[in-house]
Amino acid sequence: MTIPALSSDPSLPDFRVPEICIIGAGPVGGALACRLAAAGIPTMVIDRAPLPPMEHPDFDGRAYAISAGSRRLLDQAGLWECLPLPSGPIEQIRVTDGRIGRPASPGFVHFDHREVSEDPFGWMIEARSLRLAINRRMHELPALTVRAPEEASVRFTPDGAEVTLRGGACFTTRLVVAAEGRNSPLRKQVGIRVTQFPYRQHAITCSVAHEKPHHSVALEHFLPDGPFAQLPMAGTEGAPHLSALVWSDRAERVPRFMAMDEASFTRELQRRLGDHLGAIRPLGRRWTYPLSALLAHRIVAERLALVGDAAHGIHPIAGQGLNLGFRDAILLGDLLEEAFIAGEDPGSPALLARYQARRRPDNFAMLAATDALDRLFAINAPPVRLARDLGLAAVNRMPRLKRMFMRSAMGLRA
């Protein structure tokens, strides 16, 4: 097989001819770029936004639940050791069918990581911490060229993808990876259709200090208006017991909650969280995000691969959205490194077909599972609540089924 020659443009300062060009330097695109460059693959990452503002605490108030399986990508990319803020392990998960202001449901499932692995289910990492690590690491890797802020147009041909930067400089690369998010311009350019639907819910996220330790236990309350999750964070000097909260509720109700004074907002949080952590105190800003689902009908095209939110978007009900994108990056990174070592074309139809065949089923299954859970627990009819409680209690007494769920949550199997 003859691999097409790549052109270079000496007018670009510090230009390195990239085998792979990644459009989008968010968590998935940035981590994939670092992983490829750490393996010695000449890579360029382009983002239309400047990177330093993304490090500011007010840029993104989320915290990510990084599964044990996803940590492999951060280790390969050299990012885990660069995280500037401590991560909090998730060692147990308790799932309940909640009722606001009423006694807890007798049906629940309790997962303990020790039943399947010595490693935790995952770790809670602040979005800012991951952003700082990615920005630092991207500028340490000799095989990685970073262009941000920058805009690029791409023309796809069977022999390569021609990338033209805003200033007119042009080069040819073997593969373009779209990591631009749910509104991916490259996905639209090549005509990849998507199925999407809104949940008519918004998520409110914030951090809270609490009186009692969380013991690395995560809680998922399924409430009629949306799930409510408490996720254990690493403590700080001013807040030794700290958790991130993700509260999903009906879209029309969220503006009222966001406008509440701190005392009223705290009461609403406490009603949903319960008293097992003692008194709570919100820290920092509140954030809100609309919730919707999206699935691309295919995740490859000629010289193009989609990763992360460009390929799929799911309900945050299980905290698996970013992990699903990291699983895209893990597989694609492995395939591209194998091709690079073997001297094969990393943008070949055969390689892209393997990527799609192995990732599409996992993407679809996770979307279907999270969508079904959200719809099932939104039904408040007494017979359905009883059936849910019985189902949760039954799962809790079935070790083999529990282990299957736990391994899936840890990202140890699709």
Protein backbone atom coordinates (compact mmCIF):
# COMPACT_ATOMS: atom_id res chain seq x y z
CA MET A 1 0.00 0.00 0.00
CA THR A 2 1.25 3.46 -0.88
CA ILE A 3 0.63 6.02 1.82
CA PRO A 4 0.05 9.53 0.43
CA ALA A 5 2.79 12.03 1.10
CA LEU A 6 2.01 14.86 3.51
CA SER A 7 2.65 18.48 2.65
CA SER A 8 4.07 21.00 5.07
CA ASP A 9 3.98 24.76 5.24
CA PRO A 10 7.25 26.29 6.43
CA SER A 11 5.49 29.62 7.00
CA LEU A 12 3.92 28.18 10.14
CA PRO A 13 6.12 28.78 13.19
CA ASP A 14 7.29 25.55 14.86
CA PHE A 15 5.27 23.59 12.32
CA ARG A 16 5.40 19.80 12.51
CA VAL A 17 3.74 17.75 9.80
CA PRO A 18 0.85 16.00 11.61
CA GLU A 19 -0.26 12.47 10.92
CA ILE A 20 -3.45 13.23 12.86
CA CYS A 21 -5.29 16.54 13.22
CA ILE A 22 -7.77 16.86 16.09
CA ILE A 23 -10.34 19.64 15.94
CA GLY A 24 -11.39 20.48 19.49
CA ALA A 25 -9.18 20.65 22.59
CA GLY A 26 -11.82 19.80 25.19
CA PRO A 27 -11.36 16.93 27.65
CA VAL A 28 -11.74 14.16 25.04
CA GLY A 29 -9.90 15.88 22.18
CA GLY A 30 -7.16 17.18 24.45
CA ALA A 31 -6.62 13.83 26.16
CA LEU A 32 -6.54 11.99 22.83
CA ALA A 33 -4.03 14.50 21.43
CA CYS A 34 -1.75 13.97 24.45
CA ARG A 35 -2.11 10.20 24.24
CA LEU A 36 -1.13 10.11 20.54
CA ALA A 37 1.75 12.55 20.96
CA ALA A 38 3.03 10.63 24.00
CA ALA A 39 3.27 7.60 21.68
CA GLY A 40 5.40 9.67 19.29
CA ILE A 41 2.68 10.20 16.64
CA PRO A 42 2.95 13.68 15.06
CA THR A 43 -0.34 15.31 16.01
CA MET A 44 -1.93 18.74 15.78
CA VAL A 45 -4.82 19.95 17.92
CA ILE A 46 -6.84 23.00 16.88
CA ASP A 47 -9.44 24.87 18.93
CA ARG A 48 -11.23 28.08 18.05
CA ALA A 49 -11.12 29.29 21.67
CA PRO A 50 -8.03 30.37 23.62
CA LEU A 51 -7.04 27.75 26.18
CA PRO A 52 -5.98 29.82 29.27
CA PRO A 53 -9.51 31.17 30.03
CA MET A 54 -10.71 27.56 30.34
CA GLU A 55 -8.51 27.27 33.44
CA HIS A 56 -10.45 29.93 35.34
CA PRO A 57 -12.65 28.62 38.19
CA ASP A 58 -15.68 30.45 36.77
CA PHE A 59 -15.37 28.83 33.33
CA ASP A 60 -16.84 25.42 34.21
CA GLY A 61 -18.29 24.39 37.54
CA ARG A 62 -18.62 20.70 36.81
CA ALA A 63 -16.79 17.78 38.38
CA TYR A 64 -16.16 14.61 36.42
CA ALA A 65 -16.58 11.03 37.60
CA ILE A 66 -13.62 9.34 35.90
CA SER A 67 -14.13 5.57 35.80
CA ALA A 68 -11.35 3.09 36.55
CA GLY A 69 -11.28 2.11 32.87
CA SER A 70 -11.00 5.74 31.73
CA ARG A 71 -7.97 6.32 33.93
CA ARG A 72 -6.00 4.22 31.44
CA LEU A 73 -6.30 7.04 28.89
CA LEU A 74 -5.16 9.68 31.39
CA ASP A 75 -2.20 7.51 32.37
CA GLN A 76 -1.21 6.88 28.73
CA ALA A 77 -1.45 10.60 28.01
CA GLY A 78 0.63 11.53 31.07
CA LEU A 79 -2.29 13.56 32.44
CA TRP A 80 -3.03 11.77 35.70
CA GLU A 81 0.31 12.71 37.21
CA CYS A 82 -0.24 16.33 36.08
CA LEU A 83 -3.56 16.85 37.89
CA PRO A 84 -2.91 19.84 40.18
CA LEU A 85 -5.84 19.17 42.53
CA PRO A 86 -6.47 15.97 44.49
CA SER A 87 -9.05 13.48 43.23
CA GLY A 88 -11.63 11.78 45.43
CA PRO A 89 -12.10 8.01 45.06
CA ILE A 90 -15.58 6.51 44.60
CA GLU A 91 -15.49 3.24 46.53
CA GLN A 92 -19.20 2.57 47.01
CA ILE A 93 -22.40 3.55 45.18
CA ARG A 94 -25.89 3.48 46.67
CA VAL A 95 -28.89 3.67 44.34
CA THR A 96 -32.35 4.41 45.75
CA ASP A 97 -35.86 5.15 44.50
CA GLY A 98 -36.29 8.45 46.34
CA ARG A 99 -39.28 10.42 47.53
CA ILE A 100 -38.83 14.06 48.55
CA GLY A 101 -40.00 14.69 52.09
CA ARG A 102 -41.07 11.07 52.65
CA PRO A 103 -39.38 8.04 54.26
CA ALA A 104 -36.69 6.41 52.14
CA SER A 105 -37.77 3.60 49.87
CA PRO A 106 -37.05 0.09 51.18
CA GLY A 107 -35.74 -0.84 47.72
CA PHE A 108 -32.09 0.01 47.02
CA VAL A 109 -28.89 -1.35 45.49
CA HIS A 110 -25.54 -0.96 47.22
CA PHE A 111 -22.37 -1.49 45.20
CA ASP A 112 -18.93 -1.97 46.79
CA HIS A 113 -15.84 -1.94 44.55
CA ARG A 114 -14.16 -4.65 46.65
CA GLU A 115 -16.57 -7.20 45.17
CA VAL A 116 -14.88 -6.87 41.76
CA SER A 117 -11.57 -5.03 42.10
CA GLU A 118 -9.06 -3.47 44.45
CA ASP A 119 -9.40 -0.24 42.47
CA PRO A 120 -12.22 2.21 43.21
CA PHE A 121 -15.13 2.53 40.79
CA GLY A 122 -13.51 5.78 39.76
CA TRP A 123 -12.42 9.19 40.98
CA MET A 124 -14.06 12.60 41.17
CA ILE A 125 -11.99 15.26 39.43
CA GLU A 126 -12.78 18.95 39.12
CA ALA A 127 -13.18 20.08 35.52
CA ARG A 128 -10.66 22.85 36.17
CA SER A 129 -8.08 20.37 37.43
CA LEU A 130 -8.34 18.30 34.24
CA ARG A 131 -8.19 21.44 32.11
CA LEU A 132 -5.01 22.62 33.83
CA ALA A 133 -3.40 19.21 33.32
CA ILE A 134 -4.32 19.06 29.62
CA ASN A 135 -3.05 22.58 28.91
CA ARG A 136 0.24 21.90 30.68
CA ARG A 137 0.77 18.50 29.09
CA MET A 138 -0.09 19.62 25.55
CA HIS A 139 2.75 22.10 25.61
CA GLU A 140 5.27 19.56 26.97
CA LEU A 141 5.01 17.01 24.15
CA PRO A 142 7.44 17.47 21.22
CA ALA A 143 5.18 15.50 18.84
CA LEU A 144 2.16 17.75 19.51
CA THR A 145 1.45 21.09 17.83
CA VAL A 146 -1.22 23.27 19.47
CA ARG A 147 -3.11 25.95 17.56
CA ALA A 148 -5.54 27.89 19.77
CA PRO A 149 -7.26 30.19 19.18
CA GLU A 150 -7.44 29.10 15.56
CA GLU A 151 -10.07 28.19 13.00
CA ALA A 152 -9.68 25.64 10.26
CA SER A 153 -11.56 24.45 7.20
CA VAL A 154 -11.14 20.90 5.96
CA ARG A 155 -11.52 19.31 2.54
CA PHE A 156 -11.67 15.53 2.56
CA THR A 157 -10.23 13.43 -0.27
CA PRO A 158 -9.46 9.69 -0.56
CA ASP A 159 -5.73 10.47 -0.26
CA GLY A 160 -5.85 12.81 2.73
CA ALA A 161 -7.58 15.71 4.46
CA GLU A 162 -6.52 19.20 3.38
CA VAL A 163 -6.62 21.54 6.38
CA THR A 164 -6.57 25.30 5.79
CA LEU A 165 -6.03 27.60 8.75
CA ARG A 166 -7.59 31.01 9.11
CA GLY A 167 -4.46 32.83 7.95
CA GLY A 168 -4.34 30.83 4.72
CA ALA A 169 -1.65 28.29 5.64
CA CYS A 170 -2.53 24.82 4.36
CA PHE A 171 -1.29 21.28 5.02
CA THR A 172 -2.45 17.74 4.36
CA THR A 173 -2.98 15.14 7.09
CA ARG A 174 -4.01 11.51 6.99
CA LEU A 175 -6.90 11.69 9.49
CA VAL A 176 -9.04 14.39 11.08
CA VAL A 177 -10.73 13.71 14.42
CA ALA A 178 -13.83 15.76 15.24
CA ALA A 179 -13.93 16.48 18.97
CA GLU A 180 -15.89 19.72 18.71
CA GLY A 181 -18.92 18.82 20.83
CA ARG A 182 -22.57 18.19 20.10
CA ASN A 183 -22.87 20.85 17.40
CA SER A 184 -19.86 19.53 15.47
CA PRO A 185 -19.43 21.53 12.24
CA LEU A 186 -17.36 18.73 10.69
CA ARG A 187 -20.10 16.20 11.34
CA LYS A 188 -22.58 18.48 9.60
CA GLN A 189 -20.15 19.18 6.75
CA VAL A 190 -19.90 15.52 5.78
CA GLY A 191 -23.63 14.96 6.14
CA ILE A 192 -23.70 12.60 9.12
CA ARG A 193 -27.24 12.57 10.47
CA VAL A 194 -28.05 12.45 14.18
CA THR A 195 -30.99 11.38 16.30
CA GLN A 196 -31.56 13.74 19.20
CA PHE A 197 -34.27 14.51 21.70
CA PRO A 198 -34.53 16.83 24.68
CA TYR A 199 -35.31 15.60 28.17
CA ARG A 200 -37.14 18.79 29.20
CA GLN A 201 -34.81 18.77 32.18
CA HIS A 202 -31.94 20.96 33.29
CA ALA A 203 -29.13 19.86 35.59
CA ILE A 204 -28.08 22.07 38.49
CA THR A 205 -24.53 21.45 39.66
CA CYS A 206 -22.75 22.79 42.71
CA SER A 207 -20.41 21.77 45.50
CA VAL A 208 -21.37 21.46 49.15
CA ALA A 209 -19.44 21.14 52.37
CA HIS A 210 -21.11 18.79 54.85
CA GLU A 211 -20.86 18.04 58.54
CA LYS A 212 -20.13 14.30 58.34
CA PRO A 213 -17.63 12.39 56.13
CA HIS A 214 -18.93 10.75 52.96
CA HIS A 215 -16.61 7.71 53.30
CA SER A 216 -16.12 7.76 49.49
CA VAL A 217 -19.75 6.73 48.95
CA ALA A 218 -21.70 8.11 45.98
CA LEU A 219 -25.47 8.38 46.17
CA GLU A 220 -27.98 8.31 43.30
CA HIS A 221 -31.56 9.21 44.29
CA PHE A 222 -34.08 8.60 41.52
CA LEU A 223 -36.80 11.24 42.01
CA PRO A 224 -39.97 11.77 39.93
CA ASP A 225 -38.69 15.06 38.46
CA GLY A 226 -35.19 13.78 37.75
CA PRO A 227 -32.24 12.04 39.44
CA PHE A 228 -30.26 13.64 42.25
CA ALA A 229 -26.65 12.56 42.70
CA GLN A 230 -24.14 13.21 45.50
CA LEU A 231 -20.55 12.49 44.44
CA PRO A 232 -17.66 12.33 46.95
CA MET A 233 -14.90 14.86 46.37
CA ALA A 234 -11.49 15.20 47.98
CA GLY A 235 -11.69 17.62 50.90
CA THR A 236 -9.94 20.97 51.20
CA GLU A 237 -8.50 22.85 54.15
CA GLY A 238 -11.69 24.91 54.50
CA ALA A 239 -14.06 22.03 53.70
CA PRO A 240 -12.69 18.67 54.83
CA HIS A 241 -15.96 16.92 53.91
CA LEU A 242 -16.89 17.89 50.38
CA SER A 243 -19.24 16.56 47.68
CA ALA A 244 -20.39 17.55 44.21
CA LEU A 245 -24.16 17.54 43.61
CA VAL A 246 -25.92 17.02 40.28
CA TRP A 247 -29.62 17.80 40.57
CA SER A 248 -31.79 17.17 37.50
CA ASP A 249 -35.25 18.70 37.47
CA ARG A 250 -37.96 19.86 35.09
CA ALA A 251 -36.77 22.73 32.92
CA GLU A 252 -39.61 25.07 33.90
CA ARG A 253 -38.77 24.71 37.61
CA VAL A 254 -35.02 25.24 37.42
CA PRO A 255 -35.01 29.08 37.03
CA ARG A 256 -36.87 29.35 40.35
CA PHE A 257 -34.30 27.17 42.11
CA MET A 258 -31.41 29.07 40.55
CA ALA A 259 -32.88 32.40 41.74
CA MET A 260 -33.27 31.29 45.38
CA ASP A 261 -31.25 32.86 48.16
CA GLU A 262 -28.67 30.60 49.74
CA ALA A 263 -30.82 29.58 52.71
CA SER A 264 -33.77 28.53 50.54
CA PHE A 265 -31.52 26.77 48.04
CA THR A 266 -29.78 24.89 50.86
CA ARG A 267 -33.14 23.70 52.21
CA GLU A 268 -34.09 22.34 48.77
CA LEU A 269 -30.76 20.52 48.51
CA GLN A 270 -31.10 19.08 52.01
CA ARG A 271 -34.63 17.80 51.28
CA ARG A 272 -33.31 15.80 48.34
CA LEU A 273 -30.01 14.72 49.85
CA GLY A 274 -31.33 13.68 53.25
CA ASP A 275 -29.59 13.96 56.60
CA HIS A 276 -26.95 11.21 56.37
CA LEU A 277 -24.18 13.78 55.80
CA GLY A 278 -25.46 16.20 58.44
CA ALA A 279 -25.86 19.91 57.79
CA ILE A 280 -24.66 21.13 54.39
CA ARG A 281 -23.26 24.42 53.11
CA PRO A 282 -23.13 25.28 49.38
CA LEU A 283 -19.75 26.46 48.10
CA GLY A 284 -19.09 28.65 45.08
CA ARG A 285 -21.41 29.20 42.14
CA ARG A 286 -24.43 27.23 40.98
CA TRP A 287 -24.40 26.06 37.38
CA THR A 288 -27.17 24.82 35.13
CA TYR A 289 -27.12 22.87 31.86
CA PRO A 290 -29.97 21.72 29.58
CA LEU A 291 -30.15 17.95 29.18
CA SER A 292 -30.67 16.11 25.92
CA ALA A 293 -29.61 12.93 24.13
CA LEU A 294 -27.85 12.62 20.79
CA LEU A 295 -26.56 9.72 18.71
CA ALA A 296 -24.74 10.08 15.38
CA HIS A 297 -25.94 7.57 12.79
CA ARG A 298 -22.31 6.82 11.99
CA ILE A 299 -19.07 7.97 13.58
CA VAL A 300 -16.72 7.82 10.59
CA ALA A 301 -16.53 9.28 7.11
CA GLU A 302 -13.77 9.63 4.53
CA ARG A 303 -10.63 10.57 6.53
CA LEU A 304 -12.79 11.56 9.53
CA ALA A 305 -13.58 10.02 12.95
CA LEU A 306 -15.98 11.41 15.55
CA VAL A 307 -15.25 11.18 19.27
CA GLY A 308 -16.96 12.34 22.44
CA ASP A 309 -20.00 14.60 22.24
CA ALA A 310 -19.62 14.91 18.47
CA ALA A 311 -20.62 11.23 18.32
CA HIS A 312 -23.05 10.90 21.23
CA GLY A 313 -24.65 12.65 24.18
CA ILE A 314 -26.46 10.95 27.04
CA HIS A 315 -28.35 11.80 30.22
CA PRO A 316 -25.96 12.32 33.18
CA ILE A 317 -28.02 9.84 35.22
CA ALA A 318 -25.07 7.45 35.63
CA GLY A 319 -22.19 9.92 35.26
CA GLN A 320 -20.96 8.12 32.15
CA GLY A 321 -21.01 10.88 29.50
CA LEU A 322 -17.32 11.82 29.61
CA ASN A 323 -16.30 8.20 30.18
CA LEU A 324 -18.10 7.22 26.99
CA GLY A 325 -16.02 9.80 25.13
CA PHE A 326 -12.84 8.56 26.81
CA ARG A 327 -13.67 5.03 25.65
CA ASP A 328 -13.84 6.41 22.09
CA ALA A 329 -10.40 7.93 22.59
CA ILE A 330 -8.93 4.77 24.13
CA LEU A 331 -9.97 2.57 21.20
CA LEU A 332 -9.10 5.11 18.50
CA GLY A 333 -5.75 5.82 20.15
CA ASP A 334 -4.92 2.10 20.24
CA LEU A 335 -5.86 1.62 16.58
CA LEU A 336 -3.86 4.65 15.46
CA GLU A 337 -0.78 3.64 17.44
CA GLU A 338 -0.91 0.14 15.92
CA ALA A 339 -1.16 1.64 12.43
CA PHE A 340 1.69 4.08 13.10
CA ILE A 341 4.01 1.32 14.35
CA ALA A 342 3.15 -0.89 11.38
CA GLY A 343 3.65 1.95 8.87
CA GLU A 344 0.01 1.73 7.77
CA ASP A 345 -2.37 4.50 6.80
CA PRO A 346 -4.13 5.73 9.99
CA GLY A 347 -6.99 7.17 7.94
CA SER A 348 -7.71 4.04 5.91
CA PRO A 349 -11.30 2.86 5.44
CA ALA A 350 -10.44 -0.46 7.10
CA LEU A 351 -9.18 1.19 10.30
CA LEU A 352 -12.16 3.55 10.48
CA ALA A 353 -14.54 0.63 9.91
CA ARG A 354 -12.98 -1.22 12.87
CA TYR A 355 -13.37 1.85 15.06
CA GLN A 356 -17.04 2.25 14.18
CA ALA A 357 -17.86 -1.45 14.53
CA ARG A 358 -16.46 -1.55 18.06
CA ARG A 359 -17.71 1.78 19.39
CA ARG A 360 -21.23 2.16 17.96
CA PRO A 361 -22.78 -0.71 19.98
CA ASP A 362 -21.41 0.65 23.28
CA ASN A 363 -22.57 4.17 22.47
CA PHE A 364 -26.06 2.98 21.57
CA ALA A 365 -26.35 0.68 24.59
CA MET A 366 -25.35 3.42 27.04
CA LEU A 367 -27.77 5.92 25.52
CA ALA A 368 -30.60 3.37 25.63
CA ALA A 369 -29.84 2.39 29.22
CA THR A 370 -29.66 5.94 30.60
CA ASP A 371 -32.76 6.99 28.66
CA ALA A 372 -34.73 3.97 29.93
CA LEU A 373 -33.68 4.60 33.53
CA ASP A 374 -34.71 8.24 33.40
CA ARG A 375 -38.11 7.40 31.90
CA LEU A 376 -38.74 4.46 34.24
CA PHE A 377 -38.03 6.40 37.43
CA ALA A 378 -40.04 9.41 36.25
CA ILE A 379 -43.24 7.35 36.54
CA ASN A 380 -44.75 8.07 39.95
CA ALA A 381 -47.70 5.65 39.87
CA PRO A 382 -47.79 3.46 43.04
CA PRO A 383 -47.75 0.12 41.15
CA VAL A 384 -44.68 1.20 39.19
CA ARG A 385 -42.94 2.45 42.34
CA LEU A 386 -43.61 -0.90 43.99
CA ALA A 387 -42.23 -2.78 41.00
CA ARG A 388 -39.10 -0.60 41.00
CA ASP A 389 -38.52 -1.15 44.71
CA LEU A 390 -38.89 -4.91 44.30
CA GLY A 391 -36.54 -4.83 41.32
CA LEU A 392 -33.86 -2.86 43.17
CA ALA A 393 -34.11 -5.15 46.19
CA ALA A 394 -33.83 -8.19 43.93
CA VAL A 395 -30.72 -6.88 42.17
CA ASN A 396 -29.15 -6.16 45.54
CA ARG A 397 -29.47 -9.87 46.39
CA MET A 398 -28.01 -11.15 43.09
CA PRO A 399 -24.18 -11.02 43.37
CA ARG A 400 -23.49 -12.09 39.79
CA LEU A 401 -25.77 -9.41 38.31
CA LYS A 402 -24.35 -6.80 40.69
CA ARG A 403 -20.82 -7.63 39.59
CA MET A 404 -21.84 -7.19 35.95
CA PHE A 405 -23.25 -3.73 36.70
CA MET A 406 -20.16 -2.80 38.71
CA ARG A 407 -17.71 -3.84 36.01
CA SER A 408 -19.70 -1.83 33.50
CA ALA A 409 -19.69 1.25 35.76
CA MET A 410 -15.91 0.89 36.14
CA GLY A 411 -15.46 0.81 32.37
CA LEU A 412 -13.90 -2.64 32.52
CA ARG A 413 -16.28 -3.95 29.87
CA ALA A 414 -18.60 -2.38 27.32
